[in-house]
Structures are given as C-alpha cells and as structure tokens.
Amino acid sequence: MRFESSLIHGRLVYRYKRVIADVELDSGKVVSAYCPNATDMKETNKSGIEIWLSRVINKNRKLRYIWELAFVNGAVVGVNAGKAVGLAMEAIDNNVIKELIGYKRVLSSVSCNISTYLDLLLQADDSPPCYVGIHHLHEKQKENAVFPTSVIIGNRKKLDELQSVAKEGNRAVLLYIIQRSDCMGVKIAGDTDPLYLLKLKEIMSNGVEVLCYGCNADTKGISLNEPLKLIV
C-alpha cells in the first residue's frame, strides 16, 4: 500500500485527546494532525520523536494532516490503525498470506450475529466462507510486538464474533498485522487484559485460526511481509 503523495517530516510535540497530535514540521511551523490510533501509544507517544504526516485532500476536514509513521528505536513504525484492513486486502490479492490463498471474492466490514462486525469475508466457489477479524499492532516490548496495550471492549467482541461464526461451520481467522519489521513474534499481554487472553485461548480451542504477519514500512508505503509466531 503506497502513500498517495510524499509524506511530510516533522517531530512530535504533544499528543492529546488521543486523536490529536501537535507536530513541528521541518520548516518550524507547528500543525495539528489527526492521530488514527485509539491506544495509549506508549512507545511512540514521546515528544521529540521523528514522525511523518500525510496531507488531507478533503478541504472540509478540520485537521489537514494525518499521522502515518514514527521512527522509534531504529525502526519505522506505522501508527495508522485504519490501514490494517486495506493492507490485509492487498496482501490477499497478491497471495502474500499463504494461508488465505484461493479466495476469489473479498468483502469488507461484514455484519454477523453479534452487535459488531468482522473486517473481511473471503468467498470461493468450492469451500465454506472465511471470516477474518483484524487487529493492528505497532507497539513492541523486547523482541516482540505486544497486544493488547490497553483494555478495549471491541477487541473482545471481535473474538466472540469469530467464535460464533466458527461454531456455525465457517472458517474463522484472527489476523494480527504488525506495522513494523523488527519483531520476532506477537506476545499477548495477559497482564494488560486477562479476559482477552482467556477468550483468545478459548476461541483457538474452538477452531479459530490465528495468523500474525509483520510489515515493511517506509515513507513510500507499507506492505505485509513474513509470518510471525504467536506467544500466549
């Protein structure tokens, strides 16, 4: 997934209200940018770090910039959680995710049985439908990406939804997308959300598949690369 135009370099001044960040551009001008990430962003939420913004084309938007990347501990990290579904769809189209090869149709934002939705529905003529729930990761502890970094009820609901469709005889897949290339695996943080960890173990025992994929990220674009191990 390539960025539509050249990104704008700057340094983080301060992130507030979770969704707004003040950024000092290389010109010295300070602008406010939309932060498309609802997590605590402990690793990337540090004043003075290098970050990159995209420019918003829609003139009706109040915030004219979007925070896309950060440079932390020697790695370029994608912080835009809204890109995760698009990254997955592109990877499926290009046969990058070997476990999901062979599906002819890919639909997004699919309503299911519970009061939420799943990110993707994959369809083929000769196999049951495959429902995919996606989690975006960008935080790292030691050598592994870590998830979750805070308690978000929607994360748990996604696991419940996957278990529900799996019990109906469909294929169900939980896909962790790690928007950085310097991680060895994905560590599930049971100390942060013990109930999420319990639910994850439960759905895995009930037939839900779990896939973890890292990404190459730079100022030109982001794309999935290699599978990573899951650590529970």
C-alpha atoms as a PDB file:
ATOM      1  CA  MET A   1       0.000   0.000   0.000  1.00  0.00           C
ATOM      2  CA  ARG A   2       1.781   3.073  -1.273  1.00  0.00           C
ATOM      3  CA  PHE A   3       1.141   6.542   0.082  1.00  0.00           C
ATOM      4  CA  GLU A   4      -0.693   8.706  -2.428  1.00  0.00           C
ATOM      5  CA  SER A   5       1.795  11.571  -2.099  1.00  0.00           C
ATOM      6  CA  SER A   6       5.081  12.343  -0.389  1.00  0.00           C
ATOM      7  CA  LEU A   7       4.901  12.335   3.395  1.00  0.00           C
ATOM      8  CA  ILE A   8       5.778  15.379   5.454  1.00  0.00           C
ATOM      9  CA  HIS A   9       8.542  15.042   8.043  1.00  0.00           C
ATOM     10  CA  GLY A  10       8.401  16.555  11.493  1.00  0.00           C
ATOM     11  CA  ARG A  11       8.752  15.900  15.212  1.00  0.00           C
ATOM     12  CA  LEU A  12       6.041  15.149  17.720  1.00  0.00           C
ATOM     13  CA  VAL A  13       5.349  17.979  20.136  1.00  0.00           C
ATOM     14  CA  TYR A  14       2.429  16.544  22.096  1.00  0.00           C
ATOM     15  CA  ARG A  15      -0.448  14.111  21.607  1.00  0.00           C
ATOM     16  CA  TYR A  16      -3.703  14.932  23.364  1.00  0.00           C
ATOM     17  CA  LYS A  17      -7.326  13.752  23.413  1.00  0.00           C
ATOM     18  CA  ARG A  18      -5.811  10.567  21.927  1.00  0.00           C
ATOM     19  CA  VAL A  19      -6.772  11.620  18.401  1.00  0.00           C
ATOM     20  CA  ILE A  20      -4.865  14.903  18.005  1.00  0.00           C
ATOM     21  CA  ALA A  21      -1.115  15.492  17.837  1.00  0.00           C
ATOM     22  CA  ASP A  22       0.766  18.752  17.585  1.00  0.00           C
ATOM     23  CA  VAL A  23       3.743  18.385  15.251  1.00  0.00           C
ATOM     24  CA  GLU A  24       6.639  20.687  14.456  1.00  0.00           C
ATOM     25  CA  LEU A  25       7.447  20.449  10.751  1.00  0.00           C
ATOM     26  CA  ASP A  26      10.970  20.831   9.421  1.00  0.00           C
ATOM     27  CA  SER A  27      10.059  24.410   8.468  1.00  0.00           C
ATOM     28  CA  GLY A  28       9.445  25.210  12.124  1.00  0.00           C
ATOM     29  CA  LYS A  29       5.703  25.519  11.687  1.00  0.00           C
ATOM     30  CA  VAL A  30       3.574  23.684  14.265  1.00  0.00           C
ATOM     31  CA  VAL A  31       0.461  21.945  12.924  1.00  0.00           C
ATOM     32  CA  SER A  32      -2.251  19.756  14.448  1.00  0.00           C
ATOM     33  CA  ALA A  33      -2.659  16.307  12.932  1.00  0.00           C
ATOM     34  CA  TYR A  34      -5.252  13.568  13.279  1.00  0.00           C
ATOM     35  CA  CYS A  35      -3.915  10.520  15.139  1.00  0.00           C
ATOM     36  CA  PRO A  36      -5.756   7.434  13.782  1.00  0.00           C
ATOM     37  CA  ASN A  37      -4.968   5.223  16.757  1.00  0.00           C
ATOM     38  CA  ALA A  38      -7.059   4.794  19.927  1.00  0.00           C
ATOM     39  CA  THR A  39      -4.392   3.036  22.018  1.00  0.00           C
ATOM     40  CA  ASP A  40      -2.048   4.533  24.590  1.00  0.00           C
ATOM     41  CA  MET A  41       0.836   4.514  22.080  1.00  0.00           C
ATOM     42  CA  LYS A  42       3.347   4.316  24.926  1.00  0.00           C
ATOM     43  CA  GLU A  43       6.359   3.670  22.695  1.00  0.00           C
ATOM     44  CA  THR A  44       5.513   6.212  20.013  1.00  0.00           C
ATOM     45  CA  ASN A  45       3.895   8.895  22.169  1.00  0.00           C
ATOM     46  CA  LYS A  46       7.135  10.645  23.117  1.00  0.00           C
ATOM     47  CA  SER A  47       7.798  14.318  22.462  1.00  0.00           C
ATOM     48  CA  GLY A  48      10.630  14.904  20.007  1.00  0.00           C
ATOM     49  CA  ILE A  49      10.466  11.635  18.056  1.00  0.00           C
ATOM     50  CA  GLU A  50      10.568  11.765  14.269  1.00  0.00           C
ATOM     51  CA  ILE A  51       7.204  11.261  12.607  1.00  0.00           C
ATOM     52  CA  TRP A  52       5.702  11.576   9.132  1.00  0.00           C
ATOM     53  CA  LEU A  53       2.345  13.001   8.131  1.00  0.00           C
ATOM     54  CA  SER A  54       0.151  12.690   5.079  1.00  0.00           C
ATOM     55  CA  ARG A  55      -1.798  15.688   3.849  1.00  0.00           C
ATOM     56  CA  VAL A  56      -5.608  15.544   3.816  1.00  0.00           C
ATOM     57  CA  ILE A  57      -7.064  16.384   0.406  1.00  0.00           C
ATOM     58  CA  ASN A  58     -10.619  17.000   1.631  1.00  0.00           C
ATOM     59  CA  LYS A  59     -10.788  20.730   2.391  1.00  0.00           C
ATOM     60  CA  ASN A  60     -13.820  20.187   4.646  1.00  0.00           C
ATOM     61  CA  ARG A  61     -11.744  18.273   7.186  1.00  0.00           C
ATOM     62  CA  LYS A  62     -10.745  20.363  10.180  1.00  0.00           C
ATOM     63  CA  LEU A  63      -7.389  18.633  10.635  1.00  0.00           C
ATOM     64  CA  ARG A  64      -5.419  18.792   7.404  1.00  0.00           C
ATOM     65  CA  TYR A  65      -2.767  16.210   8.330  1.00  0.00           C
ATOM     66  CA  ILE A  66      -2.778  12.538   9.366  1.00  0.00           C
ATOM     67  CA  TRP A  67      -0.057  10.914  11.459  1.00  0.00           C
ATOM     68  CA  GLU A  68       1.191   7.891   9.465  1.00  0.00           C
ATOM     69  CA  LEU A  69       4.659   6.831  10.656  1.00  0.00           C
ATOM     70  CA  ALA A  70       7.028   7.176  13.599  1.00  0.00           C
ATOM     71  CA  PHE A  71      10.728   6.407  13.960  1.00  0.00           C
ATOM     72  CA  VAL A  72      11.405   4.667  17.275  1.00  0.00           C
ATOM     73  CA  ASN A  73      14.368   2.600  18.449  1.00  0.00           C
ATOM     74  CA  GLY A  74      15.786   2.341  14.939  1.00  0.00           C
ATOM     75  CA  ALA A  75      12.559   1.208  13.274  1.00  0.00           C
ATOM     76  CA  VAL A  76       9.962   2.891  11.077  1.00  0.00           C
ATOM     77  CA  VAL A  77       6.567   2.105  12.585  1.00  0.00           C
ATOM     78  CA  GLY A  78       3.119   2.508  11.030  1.00  0.00           C
ATOM     79  CA  VAL A  79       0.731   4.028  13.588  1.00  0.00           C
ATOM     80  CA  ASN A  80      -2.348   4.414  11.367  1.00  0.00           C
ATOM     81  CA  ALA A  81      -4.651   1.640  12.565  1.00  0.00           C
ATOM     82  CA  GLY A  82      -7.112   2.472   9.794  1.00  0.00           C
ATOM     83  CA  LYS A  83      -4.765   0.998   7.186  1.00  0.00           C
ATOM     84  CA  ALA A  84      -4.849  -2.538   8.606  1.00  0.00           C
ATOM     85  CA  VAL A  85      -7.861  -3.778   6.628  1.00  0.00           C
ATOM     86  CA  GLY A  86      -6.553  -2.314   3.371  1.00  0.00           C
ATOM     87  CA  LEU A  87      -3.149  -3.894   3.980  1.00  0.00           C
ATOM     88  CA  ALA A  88      -4.807  -7.269   4.505  1.00  0.00           C
ATOM     89  CA  MET A  89      -6.929  -6.980   1.362  1.00  0.00           C
ATOM     90  CA  GLU A  90      -3.913  -6.030  -0.729  1.00  0.00           C
ATOM     91  CA  ALA A  91      -1.881  -8.917   0.705  1.00  0.00           C
ATOM     92  CA  ILE A  92      -4.688 -11.399  -0.005  1.00  0.00           C
ATOM     93  CA  ASP A  93      -4.999 -10.128  -3.583  1.00  0.00           C
ATOM     94  CA  ASN A  94      -1.234 -10.577  -4.055  1.00  0.00           C
ATOM     95  CA  ASN A  95      -1.152 -14.050  -2.411  1.00  0.00           C
ATOM     96  CA  VAL A  96       1.185 -12.827   0.337  1.00  0.00           C
ATOM     97  CA  ILE A  97      -0.773 -14.544   3.121  1.00  0.00           C
ATOM     98  CA  LYS A  98      -0.233 -18.157   2.135  1.00  0.00           C
ATOM     99  CA  GLU A  99      -2.946 -19.413   4.495  1.00  0.00           C
ATOM    100  CA  LEU A 100      -5.561 -17.324   2.645  1.00  0.00           C
ATOM    101  CA  ILE A 101      -4.735 -18.151  -0.971  1.00  0.00           C
ATOM    102  CA  GLY A 102      -7.556 -19.330  -3.245  1.00  0.00           C
ATOM    103  CA  TYR A 103     -10.414 -16.991  -2.411  1.00  0.00           C
ATOM    104  CA  LYS A 104     -11.953 -15.208  -5.382  1.00  0.00           C
ATOM    105  CA  ARG A 105     -14.003 -12.543  -3.609  1.00  0.00           C
ATOM    106  CA  VAL A 106     -13.084 -10.306  -0.680  1.00  0.00           C
ATOM    107  CA  LEU A 107     -15.712  -8.214   1.113  1.00  0.00           C
ATOM    108  CA  SER A 108     -15.048  -5.747   3.937  1.00  0.00           C
ATOM    109  CA  SER A 109     -16.997  -4.707   7.063  1.00  0.00           C
ATOM    110  CA  VAL A 110     -19.295  -7.732   7.213  1.00  0.00           C
ATOM    111  CA  SER A 111     -22.163  -7.866   9.731  1.00  0.00           C
ATOM    112  CA  CYS A 112     -22.531 -11.181  11.543  1.00  0.00           C
ATOM    113  CA  ASN A 113     -24.505 -12.445  14.548  1.00  0.00           C
ATOM    114  CA  ILE A 114     -23.484 -10.271  17.471  1.00  0.00           C
ATOM    115  CA  SER A 115     -23.712  -6.486  17.810  1.00  0.00           C
ATOM    116  CA  THR A 116     -20.468  -5.882  15.925  1.00  0.00           C
ATOM    117  CA  TYR A 117     -18.900  -6.832  12.591  1.00  0.00           C
ATOM    118  CA  LEU A 118     -15.908  -8.644  11.178  1.00  0.00           C
ATOM    119  CA  ASP A 119     -13.364  -6.983   8.956  1.00  0.00           C
ATOM    120  CA  LEU A 120     -13.342  -9.323   5.938  1.00  0.00           C
ATOM    121  CA  LEU A 121     -15.361 -12.091   4.327  1.00  0.00           C
ATOM    122  CA  LEU A 122     -13.496 -14.281   1.832  1.00  0.00           C
ATOM    123  CA  GLN A 123     -15.509 -16.369  -0.607  1.00  0.00           C
ATOM    124  CA  ALA A 124     -14.689 -19.194  -3.012  1.00  0.00           C
ATOM    125  CA  ASP A 125     -16.893 -21.426  -5.125  1.00  0.00           C
ATOM    126  CA  ASP A 126     -15.782 -24.730  -3.602  1.00  0.00           C
ATOM    127  CA  SER A 127     -15.217 -24.003   0.101  1.00  0.00           C
ATOM    128  CA  PRO A 128     -17.056 -22.504   3.103  1.00  0.00           C
ATOM    129  CA  PRO A 129     -16.832 -18.746   3.600  1.00  0.00           C
ATOM    130  CA  CYS A 130     -13.892 -17.457   5.619  1.00  0.00           C
ATOM    131  CA  TYR A 131     -14.465 -14.646   8.124  1.00  0.00           C
ATOM    132  CA  VAL A 132     -11.420 -12.602   9.121  1.00  0.00           C
ATOM    133  CA  GLY A 133     -11.051 -10.335  12.138  1.00  0.00           C
ATOM    134  CA  ILE A 134      -8.046  -7.993  12.099  1.00  0.00           C
ATOM    135  CA  HIS A 135      -6.054  -6.402  14.896  1.00  0.00           C
ATOM    136  CA  HIS A 136      -3.492  -3.669  14.213  1.00  0.00           C
ATOM    137  CA  LEU A 137      -0.257  -3.739  16.232  1.00  0.00           C
ATOM    138  CA  HIS A 138       2.611  -1.303  16.410  1.00  0.00           C
ATOM    139  CA  GLU A 139       3.947  -1.427  19.991  1.00  0.00           C
ATOM    140  CA  LYS A 140       6.999  -3.543  20.860  1.00  0.00           C
ATOM    141  CA  GLN A 141       8.388  -4.983  24.113  1.00  0.00           C
ATOM    142  CA  LYS A 142      11.821  -6.564  23.935  1.00  0.00           C
ATOM    143  CA  GLU A 143      11.861  -8.528  20.654  1.00  0.00           C
ATOM    144  CA  ASN A 144       8.113  -8.977  20.232  1.00  0.00           C
ATOM    145  CA  ALA A 145       5.115  -6.935  19.213  1.00  0.00           C
ATOM    146  CA  VAL A 146       2.627  -6.751  22.073  1.00  0.00           C
ATOM    147  CA  PHE A 147      -1.171  -6.792  22.100  1.00  0.00           C
ATOM    148  CA  PRO A 148      -3.370  -5.526  23.606  1.00  0.00           C
ATOM    149  CA  THR A 149      -1.787  -2.395  25.069  1.00  0.00           C
ATOM    150  CA  SER A 150      -4.999  -1.277  26.754  1.00  0.00           C
ATOM    151  CA  VAL A 151      -8.428  -2.691  27.553  1.00  0.00           C
ATOM    152  CA  ILE A 152     -10.767  -2.115  24.587  1.00  0.00           C
ATOM    153  CA  ILE A 153     -14.098  -3.931  24.732  1.00  0.00           C
ATOM    154  CA  GLY A 154     -14.284  -4.080  20.924  1.00  0.00           C
ATOM    155  CA  ASN A 155     -11.195  -6.310  20.863  1.00  0.00           C
ATOM    156  CA  ARG A 156     -13.005  -8.892  22.993  1.00  0.00           C
ATOM    157  CA  LYS A 157     -16.194  -8.628  20.929  1.00  0.00           C
ATOM    158  CA  LYS A 158     -14.213  -9.452  17.801  1.00  0.00           C
ATOM    159  CA  LEU A 159     -13.086 -12.713  19.399  1.00  0.00           C
ATOM    160  CA  ASP A 160     -16.671 -13.550  20.359  1.00  0.00           C
ATOM    161  CA  GLU A 161     -17.809 -12.912  16.786  1.00  0.00           C
ATOM    162  CA  LEU A 162     -15.116 -15.150  15.327  1.00  0.00           C
ATOM    163  CA  GLN A 163     -16.042 -17.952  17.711  1.00  0.00           C
ATOM    164  CA  SER A 164     -19.692 -17.577  16.756  1.00  0.00           C
ATOM    165  CA  VAL A 165     -19.108 -17.948  13.012  1.00  0.00           C
ATOM    166  CA  ALA A 166     -16.683 -20.837  13.580  1.00  0.00           C
ATOM    167  CA  LYS A 167     -19.323 -22.754  15.543  1.00  0.00           C
ATOM    168  CA  GLU A 168     -21.650 -22.390  12.538  1.00  0.00           C
ATOM    169  CA  GLY A 169     -19.186 -24.337  10.383  1.00  0.00           C
ATOM    170  CA  ASN A 170     -17.479 -21.392   8.709  1.00  0.00           C
ATOM    171  CA  ARG A 171     -13.761 -20.803   8.606  1.00  0.00           C
ATOM    172  CA  ALA A 172     -12.727 -18.098  11.080  1.00  0.00           C
ATOM    173  CA  VAL A 173      -9.336 -16.362  11.154  1.00  0.00           C
ATOM    174  CA  LEU A 174      -7.884 -13.786  13.534  1.00  0.00           C
ATOM    175  CA  LEU A 175      -5.157 -11.806  11.768  1.00  0.00           C
ATOM    176  CA  TYR A 176      -2.630  -9.701  13.668  1.00  0.00           C
ATOM    177  CA  ILE A 177      -0.968  -7.110  11.408  1.00  0.00           C
ATOM    178  CA  ILE A 178       2.227  -5.664  12.863  1.00  0.00           C
ATOM    179  CA  GLN A 179       3.149  -2.420  11.099  1.00  0.00           C
ATOM    180  CA  ARG A 180       6.902  -2.773  11.638  1.00  0.00           C
ATOM    181  CA  SER A 181       9.617  -5.208  10.568  1.00  0.00           C
ATOM    182  CA  ASP A 182      11.733  -5.580  13.731  1.00  0.00           C
ATOM    183  CA  CYS A 183       9.642  -8.089  15.718  1.00  0.00           C
ATOM    184  CA  MET A 184      10.207 -11.817  16.207  1.00  0.00           C
ATOM    185  CA  GLY A 185       6.661 -12.615  17.278  1.00  0.00           C
ATOM    186  CA  VAL A 186       3.422 -11.382  18.836  1.00  0.00           C
ATOM    187  CA  LYS A 187       3.141 -11.522  22.636  1.00  0.00           C
ATOM    188  CA  ILE A 188      -0.388 -11.480  24.047  1.00  0.00           C
ATOM    189  CA  ALA A 189      -0.348  -9.213  27.108  1.00  0.00           C
ATOM    190  CA  GLY A 190      -2.485 -11.043  29.626  1.00  0.00           C
ATOM    191  CA  ASP A 191      -1.354  -8.653  32.339  1.00  0.00           C
ATOM    192  CA  THR A 192      -2.988  -5.788  30.414  1.00  0.00           C
ATOM    193  CA  ASP A 193      -6.267  -7.568  29.628  1.00  0.00           C
ATOM    194  CA  PRO A 194      -6.578 -11.014  31.270  1.00  0.00           C
ATOM    195  CA  LEU A 195     -10.056 -11.574  29.830  1.00  0.00           C
ATOM    196  CA  TYR A 196      -8.802 -11.012  26.276  1.00  0.00           C
ATOM    197  CA  LEU A 197      -6.133 -13.677  26.784  1.00  0.00           C
ATOM    198  CA  LEU A 198      -8.690 -16.133  28.180  1.00  0.00           C
ATOM    199  CA  LYS A 199     -11.057 -15.501  25.264  1.00  0.00           C
ATOM    200  CA  LEU A 200      -8.228 -15.928  22.767  1.00  0.00           C
ATOM    201  CA  LYS A 201      -7.273 -19.320  24.186  1.00  0.00           C
ATOM    202  CA  GLU A 202     -10.938 -20.333  24.144  1.00  0.00           C
ATOM    203  CA  ILE A 203     -11.558 -19.451  20.502  1.00  0.00           C
ATOM    204  CA  MET A 204      -8.324 -21.137  19.431  1.00  0.00           C
ATOM    205  CA  SER A 205      -9.520 -24.333  21.108  1.00  0.00           C
ATOM    206  CA  ASN A 206     -12.831 -23.963  19.230  1.00  0.00           C
ATOM    207  CA  GLY A 207     -11.303 -23.859  15.756  1.00  0.00           C
ATOM    208  CA  VAL A 208     -10.451 -20.201  15.159  1.00  0.00           C
ATOM    209  CA  GLU A 209      -7.124 -19.861  13.336  1.00  0.00           C
ATOM    210  CA  VAL A 210      -4.647 -17.163  14.370  1.00  0.00           C
ATOM    211  CA  LEU A 211      -2.184 -15.618  11.916  1.00  0.00           C
ATOM    212  CA  CYS A 212       0.498 -12.992  12.602  1.00  0.00           C
ATOM    213  CA  TYR A 213       2.206 -11.004   9.845  1.00  0.00           C
ATOM    214  CA  GLY A 214       4.826  -8.277  10.037  1.00  0.00           C
ATOM    215  CA  CYS A 215       5.175  -5.381   7.633  1.00  0.00           C
ATOM    216  CA  ASN A 216       7.788  -3.453   5.740  1.00  0.00           C
ATOM    217  CA  ALA A 217       7.189   0.229   6.438  1.00  0.00           C
ATOM    218  CA  ASP A 218       8.905   3.271   4.989  1.00  0.00           C
ATOM    219  CA  THR A 219       8.000   6.701   3.654  1.00  0.00           C
ATOM    220  CA  LYS A 220       6.944   5.215   0.316  1.00  0.00           C
ATOM    221  CA  GLY A 221       4.410   2.750   1.671  1.00  0.00           C
ATOM    222  CA  ILE A 222       3.588  -0.247   3.877  1.00  0.00           C
ATOM    223  CA  SER A 223       3.172  -3.898   2.908  1.00  0.00           C
ATOM    224  CA  LEU A 224       2.903  -7.267   4.644  1.00  0.00           C
ATOM    225  CA  ASN A 225       5.984  -9.470   4.565  1.00  0.00           C
ATOM    226  CA  GLU A 226       6.696 -12.541   6.707  1.00  0.00           C
ATOM    227  CA  PRO A 227       4.582 -14.539   9.184  1.00  0.00           C
ATOM    228  CA  LEU A 228       5.496 -14.253  12.871  1.00  0.00           C
ATOM    229  CA  LYS A 229       4.980 -16.624  15.782  1.00  0.00           C
ATOM    230  CA  LEU A 230       2.230 -16.162  18.367  1.00  0.00           C
ATOM    231  CA  ILE A 231       3.202 -16.206  22.039  1.00  0.00           C
ATOM    232  CA  VAL A 232       0.356 -16.785  24.549  1.00  0.00           C
END
